[in-house]
C-alpha cells in the first residue's frame, strides 16, 4: 500500500504530474469527440434539409 501512495505522490510532484495527465486525457477526448459530433450534426442537418426540399 505504501508503494501505491509513493506512486501517486511521485516525490511531491504528484499533483502536477497527475493534473498534466488529466488535462492531456481531456484534450485527447475532445479531439475525438468534437469531429464525431460535428459529423453527426451535419448529417442530421442535411437530412432535415432534404426532407424540407422533397415534394
PDB file of N, CA and C in Angstrom:
ATOM      1  N   UNK A   1       0.821  -1.198   0.000  1.00  0.00           N
ATOM      2  CA  UNK A   1       0.000   0.000   0.000  1.00  0.00           C
ATOM      3  C   UNK A   1       0.860   1.255   0.000  1.00  0.00           C
ATOM      4  N   UNK A   2       1.989   1.194   0.687  1.00  0.00           N
ATOM      5  CA  UNK A   2       2.889   2.332   0.748  1.00  0.00           C
ATOM      6  C   UNK A   2       3.471   2.633  -0.635  1.00  0.00           C
ATOM      7  N   UNK A   3       3.741   1.576  -1.407  1.00  0.00           N
ATOM      8  CA  UNK A   3       4.274   1.776  -2.755  1.00  0.00           C
ATOM      9  C   UNK A   3       3.272   2.512  -3.638  1.00  0.00           C
ATOM     10  N   UNK A   4       2.004   2.198  -3.471  1.00  0.00           N
ATOM     11  CA  UNK A   4       0.969   2.863  -4.249  1.00  0.00           C
ATOM     12  C   UNK A   4       0.877   4.343  -3.882  1.00  0.00           C
ATOM     13  N   UNK A   5       0.993   4.645  -2.608  1.00  0.00           N
ATOM     14  CA  UNK A   5       0.964   6.046  -2.160  1.00  0.00           C
ATOM     15  C   UNK A   5       2.169   6.794  -2.714  1.00  0.00           C
ATOM     16  N   UNK A   6       3.313   6.129  -2.732  1.00  0.00           N
ATOM     17  CA  UNK A   6       4.507   6.760  -3.296  1.00  0.00           C
ATOM     18  C   UNK A   6       4.364   6.983  -4.795  1.00  0.00           C
ATOM     19  N   UNK A   7       3.703   6.058  -5.465  1.00  0.00           N
ATOM     20  CA  UNK A   7       3.468   6.215  -6.899  1.00  0.00           C
ATOM     21  C   UNK A   7       2.631   7.466  -7.172  1.00  0.00           C
ATOM     22  N   UNK A   8       1.562   7.647  -6.405  1.00  0.00           N
ATOM     23  CA  UNK A   8       0.705   8.815  -6.616  1.00  0.00           C
ATOM     24  C   UNK A   8       1.368  10.110  -6.150  1.00  0.00           C
ATOM     25  N   UNK A   9       2.191  10.042  -5.119  1.00  0.00           N
ATOM     26  CA  UNK A   9       2.854  11.243  -4.613  1.00  0.00           C
ATOM     27  C   UNK A   9       3.979  11.679  -5.545  1.00  0.00           C
ATOM     28  N   UNK A  10       4.699  10.734  -6.125  1.00  0.00           N
ATOM     29  CA  UNK A  10       5.802  10.992  -7.057  1.00  0.00           C
ATOM     30  C   UNK A  10       6.779  12.019  -6.500  1.00  0.00           C
ATOM     31  N   UNK A  11       7.201  11.814  -5.285  1.00  0.00           N
ATOM     32  CA  UNK A  11       8.169  12.730  -4.691  1.00  0.00           C
ATOM     33  C   UNK A  11       7.642  14.149  -4.580  1.00  0.00           C
ATOM     34  N   UNK A  12       6.410  14.289  -4.180  1.00  0.00           N
ATOM     35  CA  UNK A  12       5.723  15.584  -4.032  1.00  0.00           C
ATOM     36  C   UNK A  12       5.466  16.305  -5.356  1.00  0.00           C
ATOM     37  N   UNK A  13       5.664  15.631  -6.457  1.00  0.00           N
ATOM     38  CA  UNK A  13       5.334  16.209  -7.759  1.00  0.00           C
ATOM     39  C   UNK A  13       4.039  15.607  -8.312  1.00  0.00           C
ATOM     40  N   UNK A  14       3.382  14.779  -7.528  1.00  0.00           N
ATOM     41  CA  UNK A  14       2.176  14.073  -7.951  1.00  0.00           C
ATOM     42  C   UNK A  14       1.059  14.960  -8.463  1.00  0.00           C
ATOM     43  N   UNK A  15       0.684  16.016  -7.736  1.00  0.00           N
ATOM     44  CA  UNK A  15      -0.415  16.850  -8.233  1.00  0.00           C
ATOM     45  C   UNK A  15      -0.130  17.436  -9.615  1.00  0.00           C
ATOM     46  N   UNK A  16       1.094  17.868  -9.843  1.00  0.00           N
ATOM     47  CA  UNK A  16       1.449  18.429 -11.155  1.00  0.00           C
ATOM     48  C   UNK A  16       1.394  17.350 -12.238  1.00  0.00           C
ATOM     49  N   UNK A  17       1.984  16.197 -11.940  1.00  0.00           N
ATOM     50  CA  UNK A  17       2.051  15.126 -12.936  1.00  0.00           C
ATOM     51  C   UNK A  17       0.656  14.607 -13.253  1.00  0.00           C
ATOM     52  N   UNK A  18      -0.141  14.311 -12.223  1.00  0.00           N
ATOM     53  CA  UNK A  18      -1.468  13.732 -12.470  1.00  0.00           C
ATOM     54  C   UNK A  18      -2.418  14.746 -13.101  1.00  0.00           C
ATOM     55  N   UNK A  19      -2.279  16.028 -12.763  1.00  0.00           N
ATOM     56  CA  UNK A  19      -3.131  17.017 -13.428  1.00  0.00           C
ATOM     57  C   UNK A  19      -2.722  17.159 -14.895  1.00  0.00           C
ATOM     58  N   UNK A  20      -1.437  17.030 -15.195  1.00  0.00           N
ATOM     59  CA  UNK A  20      -0.991  17.076 -16.593  1.00  0.00           C
ATOM     60  C   UNK A  20      -1.560  15.894 -17.369  1.00  0.00           C
ATOM     61  N   UNK A  21      -1.540  14.708 -16.750  1.00  0.00           N
ATOM     62  CA  UNK A  21      -2.135  13.537 -17.400  1.00  0.00           C
ATOM     63  C   UNK A  21      -3.635  13.744 -17.621  1.00  0.00           C
ATOM     64  N   UNK A  22      -4.329  14.299 -16.635  1.00  0.00           N
ATOM     65  CA  UNK A  22      -5.774  14.511 -16.750  1.00  0.00           C
ATOM     66  C   UNK A  22      -6.097  15.519 -17.848  1.00  0.00           C
ATOM     67  N   UNK A  23      -5.351  16.607 -17.905  1.00  0.00           N
ATOM     68  CA  UNK A  23      -5.585  17.615 -18.945  1.00  0.00           C
ATOM     69  C   UNK A  23      -5.328  17.027 -20.319  1.00  0.00           C
ATOM     70  N   UNK A  24      -4.263  16.236 -20.443  1.00  0.00           N
ATOM     71  CA  UNK A  24      -3.957  15.590 -21.716  1.00  0.00           C
ATOM     72  C   UNK A  24      -5.074  14.637 -22.131  1.00  0.00           C
ATOM     73  N   UNK A  25      -5.585  13.870 -21.193  1.00  0.00           N
ATOM     74  CA  UNK A  25      -6.675  12.939 -21.499  1.00  0.00           C
ATOM     75  C   UNK A  25      -7.928  13.684 -21.950  1.00  0.00           C
ATOM     76  N   UNK A  26      -8.235  14.799 -21.304  1.00  0.00           N
ATOM     77  CA  UNK A  26      -9.410  15.596 -21.680  1.00  0.00           C
ATOM     78  C   UNK A  26      -9.244  16.161 -23.083  1.00  0.00           C
ATOM     79  N   UNK A  27      -8.062  16.698 -23.382  1.00  0.00           N
ATOM     80  CA  UNK A  27      -7.820  17.266 -24.712  1.00  0.00           C
ATOM     81  C   UNK A  27      -7.913  16.186 -25.784  1.00  0.00           C
ATOM     82  N   UNK A  28      -7.335  15.020 -25.526  1.00  0.00           N
ATOM     83  CA  UNK A  28      -7.428  13.925 -26.498  1.00  0.00           C
ATOM     84  C   UNK A  28      -8.873  13.477 -26.709  1.00  0.00           C
ATOM     85  N   UNK A  29      -9.638  13.402 -25.622  1.00  0.00           N
ATOM     86  CA  UNK A  29     -11.047  13.017 -25.743  1.00  0.00           C
ATOM     87  C   UNK A  29     -11.820  14.050 -26.556  1.00  0.00           C
ATOM     88  N   UNK A  30     -11.545  15.334 -26.335  1.00  0.00           N
ATOM     89  CA  UNK A  30     -12.214  16.384 -27.115  1.00  0.00           C
ATOM     90  C   UNK A  30     -11.821  16.319 -28.585  1.00  0.00           C
ATOM     91  N   UNK A  31     -10.558  15.995 -28.864  1.00  0.00           N
ATOM     92  CA  UNK A  31     -10.108  15.875 -30.251  1.00  0.00           C
ATOM     93  C   UNK A  31     -10.799  14.738 -30.977  1.00  0.00           C
ATOM     94  N   UNK A  32     -11.260  13.748 -30.257  1.00  0.00           N
ATOM     95  CA  UNK A  32     -12.008  12.648 -30.866  1.00  0.00           C
ATOM     96  C   UNK A  32     -13.492  12.989 -30.936  1.00  0.00           C
ATOM     97  N   UNK A  33     -14.037  13.560 -29.871  1.00  0.00           N
ATOM     98  CA  UNK A  33     -15.476  13.777 -29.767  1.00  0.00           C
ATOM     99  C   UNK A  33     -15.978  14.913 -30.651  1.00  0.00           C
ATOM    100  N   UNK A  34     -15.265  16.005 -30.745  1.00  0.00           N
ATOM    101  CA  UNK A  34     -15.765  17.155 -31.499  1.00  0.00           C
ATOM    102  C   UNK A  34     -15.997  16.857 -32.976  1.00  0.00           C
ATOM    103  N   UNK A  35     -15.062  16.262 -33.696  1.00  0.00           N
ATOM    104  CA  UNK A  35     -15.345  15.962 -35.105  1.00  0.00           C
ATOM    105  C   UNK A  35     -16.481  14.948 -35.266  1.00  0.00           C
ATOM    106  N   UNK A  36     -16.553  13.991 -34.353  1.00  0.00           N
ATOM    107  CA  UNK A  36     -17.608  12.992 -34.431  1.00  0.00           C
ATOM    108  C   UNK A  36     -18.975  13.651 -34.233  1.00  0.00           C
ATOM    109  N   UNK A  37     -19.083  14.536 -33.249  1.00  0.00           N
ATOM    110  CA  UNK A  37     -20.352  15.235 -33.016  1.00  0.00           C
ATOM    111  C   UNK A  37     -20.679  16.187 -34.163  1.00  0.00           C
ATOM    112  N   UNK A  38     -19.676  16.857 -34.709  1.00  0.00           N
ATOM    113  CA  UNK A  38     -19.910  17.766 -35.836  1.00  0.00           C
ATOM    114  C   UNK A  38     -20.406  16.984 -37.050  1.00  0.00           C
ATOM    115  N   UNK A  39     -19.857  15.805 -37.281  1.00  0.00           N
ATOM    116  CA  UNK A  39     -20.294  14.977 -38.408  1.00  0.00           C
ATOM    117  C   UNK A  39     -21.748  14.548 -38.220  1.00  0.00           C
ATOM    118  N   UNK A  40     -22.101  14.131 -37.019  1.00  0.00           N
ATOM    119  CA  UNK A  40     -23.494  13.738 -36.758  1.00  0.00           C
ATOM    120  C   UNK A  40     -24.433  14.918 -36.957  1.00  0.00           C
ATOM    121  N   UNK A  41     -24.022  16.093 -36.487  1.00  0.00           N
ATOM    122  CA  UNK A  41     -24.846  17.293 -36.638  1.00  0.00           C
ATOM    123  C   UNK A  41     -25.035  17.623 -38.113  1.00  0.00           C
ATOM    124  N   UNK A  42     -23.965  17.535 -38.895  1.00  0.00           N
ATOM    125  CA  UNK A  42     -24.035  17.818 -40.320  1.00  0.00           C
ATOM    126  C   UNK A  42     -24.957  16.826 -41.038  1.00  0.00           C
ATOM    127  N   UNK A  43     -24.854  15.567 -40.703  1.00  0.00           N
ATOM    128  CA  UNK A  43     -25.721  14.556 -41.322  1.00  0.00           C
ATOM    129  C   UNK A  43     -27.178  14.819 -40.978  1.00  0.00           C
ATOM    130  N   UNK A  44     -27.463  15.159 -39.721  1.00  0.00           N
ATOM    131  CA  UNK A  44     -28.848  15.445 -39.317  1.00  0.00           C
ATOM    132  C   UNK A  44     -29.382  16.689 -40.008  1.00  0.00           C
ATOM    133  N   UNK A  45     -28.559  17.726 -40.114  1.00  0.00           N
ATOM    134  CA  UNK A  45     -28.999  18.943 -40.800  1.00  0.00           C
ATOM    135  C   UNK A  45     -29.262  18.682 -42.279  1.00  0.00           C
ATOM    136  N   UNK A  46     -28.418  17.888 -42.908  1.00  0.00           N
ATOM    137  CA  UNK A  46     -28.616  17.557 -44.319  1.00  0.00           C
ATOM    138  C   UNK A  46     -29.893  16.739 -44.520  1.00  0.00           C
ATOM    139  N   UNK A  47     -30.152  15.808 -43.624  1.00  0.00           N
ATOM    140  CA  UNK A  47     -31.376  15.019 -43.705  1.00  0.00           C
ATOM    141  C   UNK A  47     -32.599  15.915 -43.536  1.00  0.00           C
ATOM    142  N   UNK A  48     -32.537  16.853 -42.592  1.00  0.00           N
ATOM    143  CA  UNK A  48     -33.636  17.789 -42.401  1.00  0.00           C
ATOM    144  C   UNK A  48     -33.856  18.655 -43.643  1.00  0.00           C
ATOM    145  N   UNK A  49     -32.759  19.113 -44.226  1.00  0.00           N
ATOM    146  CA  UNK A  49     -32.855  19.951 -45.419  1.00  0.00           C
ATOM    147  C   UNK A  49     -33.468  19.168 -46.571  1.00  0.00           C
ATOM    148  N   UNK A  50     -33.080  17.929 -46.743  1.00  0.00           N
ATOM    149  CA  UNK A  50     -33.639  17.102 -47.830  1.00  0.00           C
ATOM    150  C   UNK A  50     -35.120  16.834 -47.638  1.00  0.00           C
ATOM    151  N   UNK A  51     -35.533  16.636 -46.374  1.00  0.00           N
ATOM    152  CA  UNK A  51     -36.963  16.413 -46.102  1.00  0.00           C
ATOM    153  C   UNK A  51     -37.769  17.654 -46.436  1.00  0.00           C
ATOM    154  N   UNK A  52     -37.211  18.844 -46.118  1.00  0.00           N
ATOM    155  CA  UNK A  52     -37.907  20.084 -46.415  1.00  0.00           C
ATOM    156  C   UNK A  52     -38.035  20.314 -47.917  1.00  0.00           C
ATOM    157  N   UNK A  53     -37.007  19.966 -48.674  1.00  0.00           N
ATOM    158  CA  UNK A  53     -36.985  20.242 -50.104  1.00  0.00           C
ATOM    159  C   UNK A  53     -37.679  19.185 -50.938  1.00  0.00           C
ATOM    160  N   UNK A  54     -37.937  18.012 -50.391  1.00  0.00           N
ATOM    161  CA  UNK A  54     -38.569  16.956 -51.201  1.00  0.00           C
ATOM    162  C   UNK A  54     -40.061  17.244 -51.359  1.00  0.00           C
ATOM    163  N   UNK A  55     -40.576  16.911 -52.524  1.00  0.00           N
ATOM    164  CA  UNK A  55     -42.009  17.211 -52.801  1.00  0.00           C
ATOM    165  C   UNK A  55     -42.956  16.295 -52.064  1.00  0.00           C
TER     166      UNK A  55
END
